[in-house]
Amino acid sequence: MKARTIRRLTGRALATTVAAALTALLPATAHPAPAGPHSATAARDTGCGVLAPGASATAQSAVQAACSQIGVWYSWGGGHGATPGPTYGYYDGSDPDSMHDDERMGFDCSGLMRYAYYRATGKDLLNGTADDQFHSSHAAARFSAGQGTAPLVPGDLMFWGSGHVHHVAMYLGAGRMVEAYESGTHIRVTAVRTGGDYAGAVRIDPSGSPTPPPADGGTVFETWGTGVRTHSSPSVRASVVDTFAGPTQVSVQCQEHAETVTAEGYTNDIWSRLSDGSWLTNIYVKGPASLPGVPDCGGSSPAPPSGGSKPHQTWGTGVRTHSQPNVNASVVDYFAQPATVNVVCQRHAQEVTADGYTNDAWSRLTDGSWITNIYLKGPAWLTDVPTC
């Protein structure tokens, strides 16, 4: 930790010294005033700006705010400080290009969107991950992936991800968007992408007023996939109540552990009860395995896990599980918010340093995936879990 701190301070000090030396060599006329957050010159020079009609004044301001950051570093975790704005990021634990994010002041994809709408409204409407922003209550309209860009106007947020949303960008019009793409790159303007795992778009309410909750007291989530079925009880063998041909908004009342289901590459034993009394496996609900803000159907505590496993709570945002006890192994699941996981056993494996902690203990979950104990609430070695 000390070596990384010294490197960061040395890098900043060196950059400051070099910049000061170069400045001293330039004539006074070579120092134009810096472009402000809403600079038309900055937008024009980069091709970034409001490129189509139809956007509200607030959305146009958000576009200009995002465009003012063209050329700033992408930094994983950047833009998620107490106040919206660029911050130093940190290593994401898997991408080698992210190892220098703690030296780069900038934004990740959702941090940039948060900043843009903060500058436009004066309110911190979009504090959270891309997945949180996709499910934001500050949505004036939602557009499915199948609709493409036809209904979009500048300032609309575009999202990517199957099962969980992992990326967000801002539509500019004319088939262009501005985004903080990935570690090692700078904020840029690029052509829109509506193939692959494009998940749809959201238009932020210009008033900044949250959409009222459904009258039935549930929480609105969106399904994904086609031919999704709800059942009379939390089991795929129970009678079918409804079938959704495409993504649909549903009102979730509560959730509980029940039958384990494997589908579309995911395994989950959590089911959601909808407002009509039917049940839907959380695999087909956009969001983490355990939906944030949704109570347990049986009370405040999750149902006891099966197979001798122990329930433990994660902490932090954007936590990943892997196919092996190694941050370089393939990602199995992603928790945008704290969630309850069922731990079968634990073992010493790859040593990981993250969020100020170092630990070589990993826990194996009931779906066979692994999570570093750093992101499990409790001691470094869980006292109630056996060794694998």
Protein backbone atom coordinates (compact mmCIF):
# COMPACT_ATOMS: atom_id res chain seq x y z
CA MET A 1 0.00 0.00 0.00
CA LYS A 2 2.85 2.40 0.82
CA ALA A 3 4.58 1.79 -2.51
CA ARG A 4 1.35 2.51 -4.41
CA THR A 5 0.82 5.73 -2.42
CA ILE A 6 4.36 6.89 -3.12
CA ARG A 7 3.92 6.16 -6.83
CA ARG A 8 0.67 8.13 -6.99
CA LEU A 9 2.12 11.16 -5.19
CA THR A 10 5.28 11.05 -7.23
CA GLY A 11 3.30 10.90 -10.47
CA ARG A 12 1.18 13.90 -9.53
CA ALA A 13 4.16 15.91 -8.31
CA LEU A 14 6.12 15.14 -11.47
CA ALA A 15 3.18 16.09 -13.69
CA THR A 16 2.79 19.36 -11.81
CA THR A 17 6.51 20.16 -12.11
CA VAL A 18 6.62 19.41 -15.85
CA ALA A 19 3.45 21.40 -16.49
CA ALA A 20 4.85 24.38 -14.59
CA ALA A 21 8.10 24.23 -16.56
CA LEU A 22 6.30 24.10 -19.89
CA THR A 23 4.03 26.96 -18.89
CA ALA A 24 7.00 29.15 -18.06
CA LEU A 25 8.37 28.65 -21.59
CA LEU A 26 5.17 29.71 -23.38
CA PRO A 27 4.27 33.33 -24.20
CA ALA A 28 1.28 34.80 -22.45
CA THR A 29 -0.76 34.76 -25.66
CA ALA A 30 -0.50 30.95 -25.77
CA HIS A 31 -2.78 30.54 -22.74
CA PRO A 32 -6.44 30.73 -23.82
CA ALA A 33 -9.02 30.59 -21.06
CA PRO A 34 -9.99 26.98 -20.32
CA ALA A 35 -13.31 25.83 -21.78
CA GLY A 36 -16.06 25.73 -19.18
CA PRO A 37 -18.40 22.80 -18.53
CA HIS A 38 -20.89 24.15 -21.09
CA SER A 39 -18.34 25.31 -23.67
CA ALA A 40 -19.71 25.25 -27.21
CA THR A 41 -16.12 25.42 -28.49
CA ALA A 42 -15.14 22.23 -26.65
CA ALA A 43 -18.21 20.43 -27.98
CA ARG A 44 -17.63 21.65 -31.56
CA ASP A 45 -13.91 20.74 -31.59
CA THR A 46 -14.56 17.16 -30.49
CA GLY A 47 -17.79 16.52 -32.39
CA CYS A 48 -19.52 16.22 -29.03
CA GLY A 49 -22.75 18.12 -28.41
CA VAL A 50 -26.49 18.14 -29.00
CA LEU A 51 -26.70 16.62 -32.48
CA ALA A 52 -30.48 16.29 -32.90
CA PRO A 53 -33.66 18.16 -31.87
CA GLY A 54 -36.19 17.13 -29.26
CA ALA A 55 -34.18 17.20 -26.04
CA SER A 56 -35.33 19.17 -23.00
CA ALA A 57 -33.22 22.07 -21.76
CA THR A 58 -32.06 19.88 -18.86
CA ALA A 59 -31.01 17.06 -21.17
CA GLN A 60 -29.13 19.51 -23.39
CA SER A 61 -27.26 20.82 -20.34
CA ALA A 62 -26.41 17.24 -19.36
CA VAL A 63 -25.01 16.61 -22.84
CA GLN A 64 -22.82 19.72 -22.63
CA ALA A 65 -21.60 18.70 -19.17
CA ALA A 66 -20.62 15.23 -20.42
CA CYS A 67 -18.97 16.73 -23.49
CA SER A 68 -16.90 19.06 -21.32
CA GLN A 69 -15.07 15.97 -20.03
CA ILE A 70 -13.90 14.68 -23.41
CA GLY A 71 -10.27 13.55 -23.10
CA VAL A 72 -10.47 12.96 -19.34
CA TRP A 73 -9.29 9.51 -18.21
CA TYR A 74 -11.62 6.58 -17.73
CA SER A 75 -10.92 5.48 -14.15
CA TRP A 76 -12.70 2.48 -12.60
CA GLY A 77 -14.71 3.76 -9.64
CA GLY A 78 -14.03 7.37 -10.67
CA GLY A 79 -16.83 9.90 -10.19
CA HIS A 80 -18.35 8.17 -7.16
CA GLY A 81 -17.13 10.48 -4.43
CA ALA A 82 -19.34 12.28 -1.94
CA THR A 83 -19.99 14.99 -4.55
CA PRO A 84 -20.31 14.23 -8.29
CA GLY A 85 -17.11 14.99 -10.16
CA PRO A 86 -13.84 13.35 -11.22
CA THR A 87 -11.97 11.29 -8.61
CA TYR A 88 -9.09 8.83 -8.57
CA GLY A 89 -10.24 5.29 -9.24
CA TYR A 90 -8.84 1.93 -8.18
CA TYR A 91 -7.87 -1.46 -9.59
CA ASP A 92 -10.95 -3.49 -10.48
CA GLY A 93 -9.24 -6.77 -9.54
CA SER A 94 -9.33 -8.38 -12.97
CA ASP A 95 -8.37 -6.07 -15.86
CA PRO A 96 -4.60 -5.41 -16.16
CA ASP A 97 -5.38 -2.06 -17.82
CA SER A 98 -7.06 -1.03 -14.56
CA MET A 99 -3.92 -1.38 -12.45
CA HIS A 100 -3.10 2.32 -12.92
CA ASP A 101 -6.61 3.64 -12.30
CA ASP A 102 -5.56 4.73 -8.81
CA GLU A 103 -3.25 7.23 -10.55
CA ARG A 104 -5.87 8.53 -13.00
CA MET A 105 -8.40 11.17 -12.03
CA GLY A 106 -11.54 10.72 -14.07
CA PHE A 107 -14.80 8.82 -14.33
CA ASP A 108 -16.12 5.36 -14.96
CA CYS A 109 -19.19 5.08 -17.17
CA SER A 110 -21.82 5.67 -14.48
CA GLY A 111 -19.70 8.30 -12.72
CA LEU A 112 -19.76 10.41 -15.91
CA MET A 113 -23.56 10.15 -16.22
CA ARG A 114 -23.95 11.03 -12.55
CA TYR A 115 -21.80 14.14 -13.04
CA ALA A 116 -23.59 15.22 -16.23
CA TYR A 117 -27.07 15.23 -14.69
CA TYR A 118 -25.77 16.77 -11.47
CA ARG A 119 -24.43 19.70 -13.48
CA ALA A 120 -27.72 19.91 -15.37
CA THR A 121 -30.09 19.76 -12.38
CA GLY A 122 -28.07 20.61 -9.28
CA LYS A 123 -29.32 17.32 -7.81
CA ASP A 124 -27.47 14.04 -7.34
CA LEU A 125 -30.06 11.95 -9.20
CA LEU A 126 -27.87 9.12 -10.49
CA ASN A 127 -25.58 8.10 -7.63
CA GLY A 128 -24.81 4.42 -8.21
CA THR A 129 -23.68 1.88 -10.78
CA ALA A 130 -24.84 1.58 -14.38
CA ASP A 131 -27.27 -1.10 -13.20
CA ASP A 132 -28.66 1.27 -10.55
CA GLN A 133 -29.07 3.99 -13.17
CA PHE A 134 -30.89 1.60 -15.50
CA HIS A 135 -33.42 0.96 -12.72
CA SER A 136 -33.52 4.62 -11.63
CA SER A 137 -36.79 5.95 -10.26
CA HIS A 138 -36.01 9.23 -12.06
CA ALA A 139 -37.09 7.82 -15.41
CA ALA A 140 -39.51 9.75 -17.60
CA ALA A 141 -39.52 7.02 -20.27
CA ARG A 142 -37.92 3.67 -21.01
CA PHE A 143 -37.07 2.19 -24.40
CA SER A 144 -36.42 -1.46 -25.20
CA ALA A 145 -33.40 -2.73 -27.10
CA GLY A 146 -35.66 -3.66 -30.00
CA GLN A 147 -36.64 -0.02 -30.51
CA GLY A 148 -33.06 0.93 -31.35
CA THR A 149 -32.26 4.63 -31.47
CA ALA A 150 -35.41 5.73 -33.34
CA PRO A 151 -37.22 7.15 -30.26
CA LEU A 152 -34.10 8.55 -28.58
CA VAL A 153 -33.21 12.22 -28.12
CA PRO A 154 -29.94 13.77 -26.90
CA GLY A 155 -29.38 13.18 -23.19
CA ASP A 156 -31.04 9.76 -23.10
CA LEU A 157 -28.95 7.11 -21.35
CA MET A 158 -28.12 3.92 -23.25
CA PHE A 159 -27.31 0.66 -21.40
CA TRP A 160 -25.62 -2.68 -22.06
CA GLY A 161 -25.80 -5.97 -20.17
CA SER A 162 -27.62 -9.30 -20.11
CA GLY A 163 -28.96 -10.22 -16.68
CA HIS A 164 -27.18 -7.25 -15.13
CA VAL A 165 -26.26 -3.91 -16.70
CA HIS A 166 -22.52 -3.25 -16.90
CA HIS A 167 -22.20 -0.11 -19.08
CA VAL A 168 -23.95 3.19 -19.76
CA ALA A 169 -23.40 5.97 -22.32
CA MET A 170 -25.25 9.17 -23.30
CA TYR A 171 -26.97 9.55 -26.66
CA LEU A 172 -26.09 12.70 -28.60
CA GLY A 173 -28.22 12.25 -31.74
CA ALA A 174 -27.20 11.46 -35.31
CA GLY A 175 -26.10 7.97 -34.30
CA ARG A 176 -23.43 9.23 -31.87
CA MET A 177 -22.89 8.90 -28.13
CA VAL A 178 -20.43 10.02 -25.47
CA GLU A 179 -19.03 7.49 -23.01
CA ALA A 180 -16.34 6.58 -20.51
CA TYR A 181 -15.53 3.24 -22.11
CA GLU A 182 -12.86 1.25 -20.28
CA SER A 183 -9.58 1.46 -18.35
CA GLY A 184 -6.68 2.81 -20.39
CA THR A 185 -8.90 5.04 -22.55
CA HIS A 186 -10.23 8.58 -22.35
CA ILE A 187 -13.82 9.85 -22.43
CA ARG A 188 -14.81 9.86 -26.08
CA VAL A 189 -17.49 10.30 -28.73
CA THR A 190 -18.24 7.21 -30.79
CA ALA A 191 -20.94 5.63 -32.95
CA VAL A 192 -23.83 4.08 -31.04
CA ARG A 193 -23.84 0.32 -30.54
CA THR A 194 -27.23 -1.39 -30.50
CA GLY A 195 -26.08 -4.95 -31.13
CA GLY A 196 -24.73 -7.56 -28.76
CA ASP A 197 -26.05 -7.12 -25.23
CA TYR A 198 -27.58 -3.67 -25.72
CA ALA A 199 -30.34 -3.51 -23.09
CA GLY A 200 -32.27 -0.34 -23.98
CA ALA A 201 -32.39 3.30 -22.92
CA VAL A 202 -33.82 5.54 -20.20
CA ARG A 203 -34.89 9.19 -20.42
CA ILE A 204 -34.23 11.04 -17.18
CA ASP A 205 -37.10 13.12 -15.79
CA PRO A 206 -36.08 16.77 -16.38
CA SER A 207 -37.84 17.88 -13.20
CA GLY A 208 -35.68 15.63 -11.08
CA SER A 209 -38.83 14.30 -9.40
CA PRO A 210 -38.76 10.57 -8.69
CA THR A 211 -41.41 8.45 -10.32
CA PRO A 212 -43.99 7.51 -7.67
CA PRO A 213 -43.96 3.87 -6.56
CA PRO A 214 -46.68 1.58 -7.87
CA ALA A 215 -50.01 1.78 -6.07
CA ASP A 216 -49.68 -1.84 -4.90
CA GLY A 217 -46.63 -0.97 -2.81
CA GLY A 218 -44.21 -3.06 -4.86
CA THR A 219 -40.93 -2.11 -6.50
CA VAL A 220 -40.75 -1.87 -10.29
CA PHE A 221 -38.12 -3.97 -12.07
CA GLU A 222 -37.72 -4.95 -15.69
CA THR A 223 -37.45 -8.48 -17.02
CA TRP A 224 -35.09 -9.48 -19.81
CA GLY A 225 -35.17 -12.24 -22.40
CA THR A 226 -38.07 -13.63 -24.41
CA GLY A 227 -40.71 -16.20 -23.51
CA VAL A 228 -40.23 -15.61 -19.77
CA ARG A 229 -42.84 -17.37 -17.63
CA THR A 230 -44.24 -16.70 -14.19
CA HIS A 231 -45.50 -19.57 -12.05
CA SER A 232 -48.14 -20.19 -9.38
CA SER A 233 -45.42 -21.08 -6.84
CA PRO A 234 -41.62 -20.56 -6.81
CA SER A 235 -40.81 -23.61 -8.94
CA VAL A 236 -40.41 -24.11 -12.69
CA ARG A 237 -42.64 -27.18 -12.35
CA ALA A 238 -45.57 -25.15 -11.00
CA SER A 239 -48.36 -24.10 -13.35
CA VAL A 240 -47.66 -21.16 -15.67
CA VAL A 241 -49.50 -17.95 -14.80
CA ASP A 242 -48.19 -15.58 -17.48
CA THR A 243 -45.70 -15.43 -20.37
CA PHE A 244 -43.75 -12.30 -21.39
CA ALA A 245 -42.84 -12.24 -25.08
CA GLY A 246 -40.17 -9.59 -24.43
CA PRO A 247 -38.81 -7.33 -21.66
CA THR A 248 -41.64 -6.23 -19.36
CA GLN A 249 -41.93 -4.08 -16.25
CA VAL A 250 -43.15 -6.04 -13.21
CA SER A 251 -44.06 -4.97 -9.69
CA VAL A 252 -42.12 -7.08 -7.17
CA GLN A 253 -43.66 -7.47 -3.70
CA CYS A 254 -41.02 -9.61 -2.01
CA GLN A 255 -38.44 -12.32 -2.68
CA GLU A 256 -37.40 -15.58 -1.05
CA HIS A 257 -35.03 -18.54 -1.41
CA ALA A 258 -36.78 -21.49 -3.06
CA GLU A 259 -36.04 -23.85 -5.97
CA THR A 260 -32.55 -23.49 -7.49
CA VAL A 261 -32.76 -22.68 -11.21
CA THR A 262 -30.04 -22.69 -13.87
CA ALA A 263 -30.82 -20.79 -17.07
CA GLU A 264 -29.03 -18.55 -19.56
CA GLY A 265 -25.70 -19.31 -17.89
CA TYR A 266 -26.85 -18.22 -14.41
CA THR A 267 -27.80 -20.19 -11.29
CA ASN A 268 -29.99 -18.67 -8.59
CA ASP A 269 -32.36 -19.92 -5.89
CA ILE A 270 -34.11 -16.59 -5.29
CA TRP A 271 -37.62 -15.99 -6.61
CA SER A 272 -39.70 -12.81 -6.65
CA ARG A 273 -43.43 -12.67 -5.91
CA LEU A 274 -45.24 -10.26 -8.21
CA SER A 275 -48.31 -8.12 -7.54
CA ASP A 276 -50.63 -10.73 -9.11
CA GLY A 277 -49.34 -13.41 -6.71
CA SER A 278 -47.29 -15.24 -9.33
CA TRP A 279 -43.58 -16.05 -8.97
CA LEU A 280 -40.61 -15.30 -11.22
CA THR A 281 -37.05 -16.56 -10.84
CA ASN A 282 -34.69 -13.62 -10.29
CA ILE A 283 -32.57 -14.89 -13.16
CA TYR A 284 -34.99 -13.10 -15.50
CA VAL A 285 -35.20 -9.87 -13.47
CA LYS A 286 -32.62 -7.21 -14.35
CA GLY A 287 -30.47 -6.57 -11.31
CA PRO A 288 -28.27 -8.53 -8.88
CA ALA A 289 -29.14 -12.05 -7.74
CA SER A 290 -30.88 -10.61 -4.67
CA LEU A 291 -32.87 -7.50 -5.63
CA PRO A 292 -31.96 -4.35 -3.64
CA GLY A 293 -34.74 -2.75 -1.62
CA VAL A 294 -37.06 -5.79 -1.85
CA PRO A 295 -38.01 -7.47 1.46
CA ASP A 296 -37.95 -11.18 2.15
CA CYS A 297 -41.37 -12.77 1.79
CA GLY A 298 -41.01 -14.61 5.09
CA GLY A 299 -39.81 -11.65 7.14
CA SER A 300 -36.69 -9.55 7.52
CA SER A 301 -34.23 -12.48 7.39
CA PRO A 302 -33.48 -14.64 4.37
CA ALA A 303 -34.68 -18.23 4.40
CA PRO A 304 -32.13 -20.74 5.74
CA PRO A 305 -29.94 -22.03 2.92
CA SER A 306 -29.90 -25.71 2.03
CA GLY A 307 -27.03 -28.15 1.71
CA GLY A 308 -25.27 -27.13 4.91
CA SER A 309 -24.27 -23.71 3.59
CA LYS A 310 -24.22 -20.53 5.67
CA PRO A 311 -25.78 -17.18 4.67
CA HIS A 312 -23.38 -14.25 4.63
CA GLN A 313 -23.86 -10.65 3.54
CA THR A 314 -21.63 -8.98 0.95
CA TRP A 315 -20.68 -5.33 1.17
CA GLY A 316 -19.67 -2.73 -1.40
CA THR A 317 -20.93 -2.25 -4.94
CA GLY A 318 -19.98 -3.98 -8.17
CA VAL A 319 -18.80 -7.16 -6.38
CA ARG A 320 -18.00 -10.08 -8.67
CA THR A 321 -17.88 -13.84 -8.16
CA HIS A 322 -15.51 -15.99 -10.23
CA SER A 323 -15.37 -19.52 -11.60
CA GLN A 324 -12.16 -20.12 -9.60
CA PRO A 325 -10.68 -18.49 -6.46
CA ASN A 326 -8.76 -16.03 -8.61
CA VAL A 327 -9.64 -12.50 -9.79
CA ASN A 328 -8.42 -13.43 -13.29
CA ALA A 329 -10.92 -16.30 -13.59
CA SER A 330 -14.13 -15.74 -15.55
CA VAL A 331 -16.89 -13.75 -13.85
CA VAL A 332 -19.91 -15.83 -12.79
CA ASP A 333 -22.11 -13.21 -11.11
CA TYR A 334 -22.12 -9.51 -10.29
CA PHE A 335 -23.74 -7.84 -7.28
CA ALA A 336 -24.44 -4.15 -7.90
CA GLN A 337 -25.45 -3.73 -4.25
CA PRO A 338 -24.98 -5.71 -1.00
CA ALA A 339 -26.61 -9.14 -1.24
CA THR A 340 -27.00 -12.33 0.79
CA VAL A 341 -24.96 -15.28 -0.49
CA ASN A 342 -24.86 -18.89 0.69
CA VAL A 343 -21.32 -20.02 1.54
CA VAL A 344 -20.49 -23.75 1.39
CA CYS A 345 -16.81 -23.70 2.38
CA GLN A 346 -13.65 -21.57 2.23
CA ARG A 347 -9.99 -22.05 1.36
CA HIS A 348 -6.72 -20.16 1.08
CA ALA A 349 -5.98 -19.27 -2.55
CA GLN A 350 -4.92 -16.14 -4.47
CA GLU A 351 -4.01 -13.18 -2.24
CA VAL A 352 -6.11 -10.13 -3.10
CA THR A 353 -5.73 -6.50 -2.08
CA ALA A 354 -8.84 -4.33 -2.47
CA ASP A 355 -10.49 -1.44 -0.65
CA GLY A 356 -7.62 -1.24 1.84
CA TYR A 357 -7.69 -4.94 2.80
CA THR A 358 -5.45 -7.89 1.90
CA ASN A 359 -6.69 -11.47 2.26
CA ASP A 360 -6.02 -14.87 0.65
CA ALA A 361 -9.27 -16.48 1.88
CA TRP A 362 -11.96 -17.26 -0.70
CA SER A 363 -15.47 -18.67 -0.15
CA ARG A 364 -17.25 -21.10 -2.45
CA LEU A 365 -20.96 -20.39 -2.93
CA THR A 366 -23.80 -22.82 -3.57
CA ASP A 367 -23.67 -22.14 -7.33
CA GLY A 368 -20.01 -23.24 -7.40
CA SER A 369 -18.60 -19.74 -7.85
CA TRP A 370 -15.98 -18.12 -5.62
CA ILE A 371 -15.82 -14.76 -3.85
CA THR A 372 -12.89 -13.22 -2.00
CA ASN A 373 -13.65 -12.93 1.72
CA ILE A 374 -12.70 -9.26 1.50
CA TYR A 375 -16.23 -8.58 0.25
CA LEU A 376 -18.00 -10.68 2.89
CA LYS A 377 -19.00 -9.02 6.14
CA GLY A 378 -17.18 -10.64 9.02
CA PRO A 379 -13.63 -11.73 9.93
CA ALA A 380 -10.99 -12.49 7.32
CA TRP A 381 -11.59 -16.22 7.91
CA LEU A 382 -15.30 -16.99 8.46
CA THR A 383 -15.71 -18.77 11.77
CA ASP A 384 -18.90 -20.67 10.90
CA VAL A 385 -17.76 -22.05 7.52
CA PRO A 386 -15.62 -25.22 7.04
CA THR A 387 -12.47 -25.49 4.93
CA CYS A 388 -13.03 -26.77 1.40
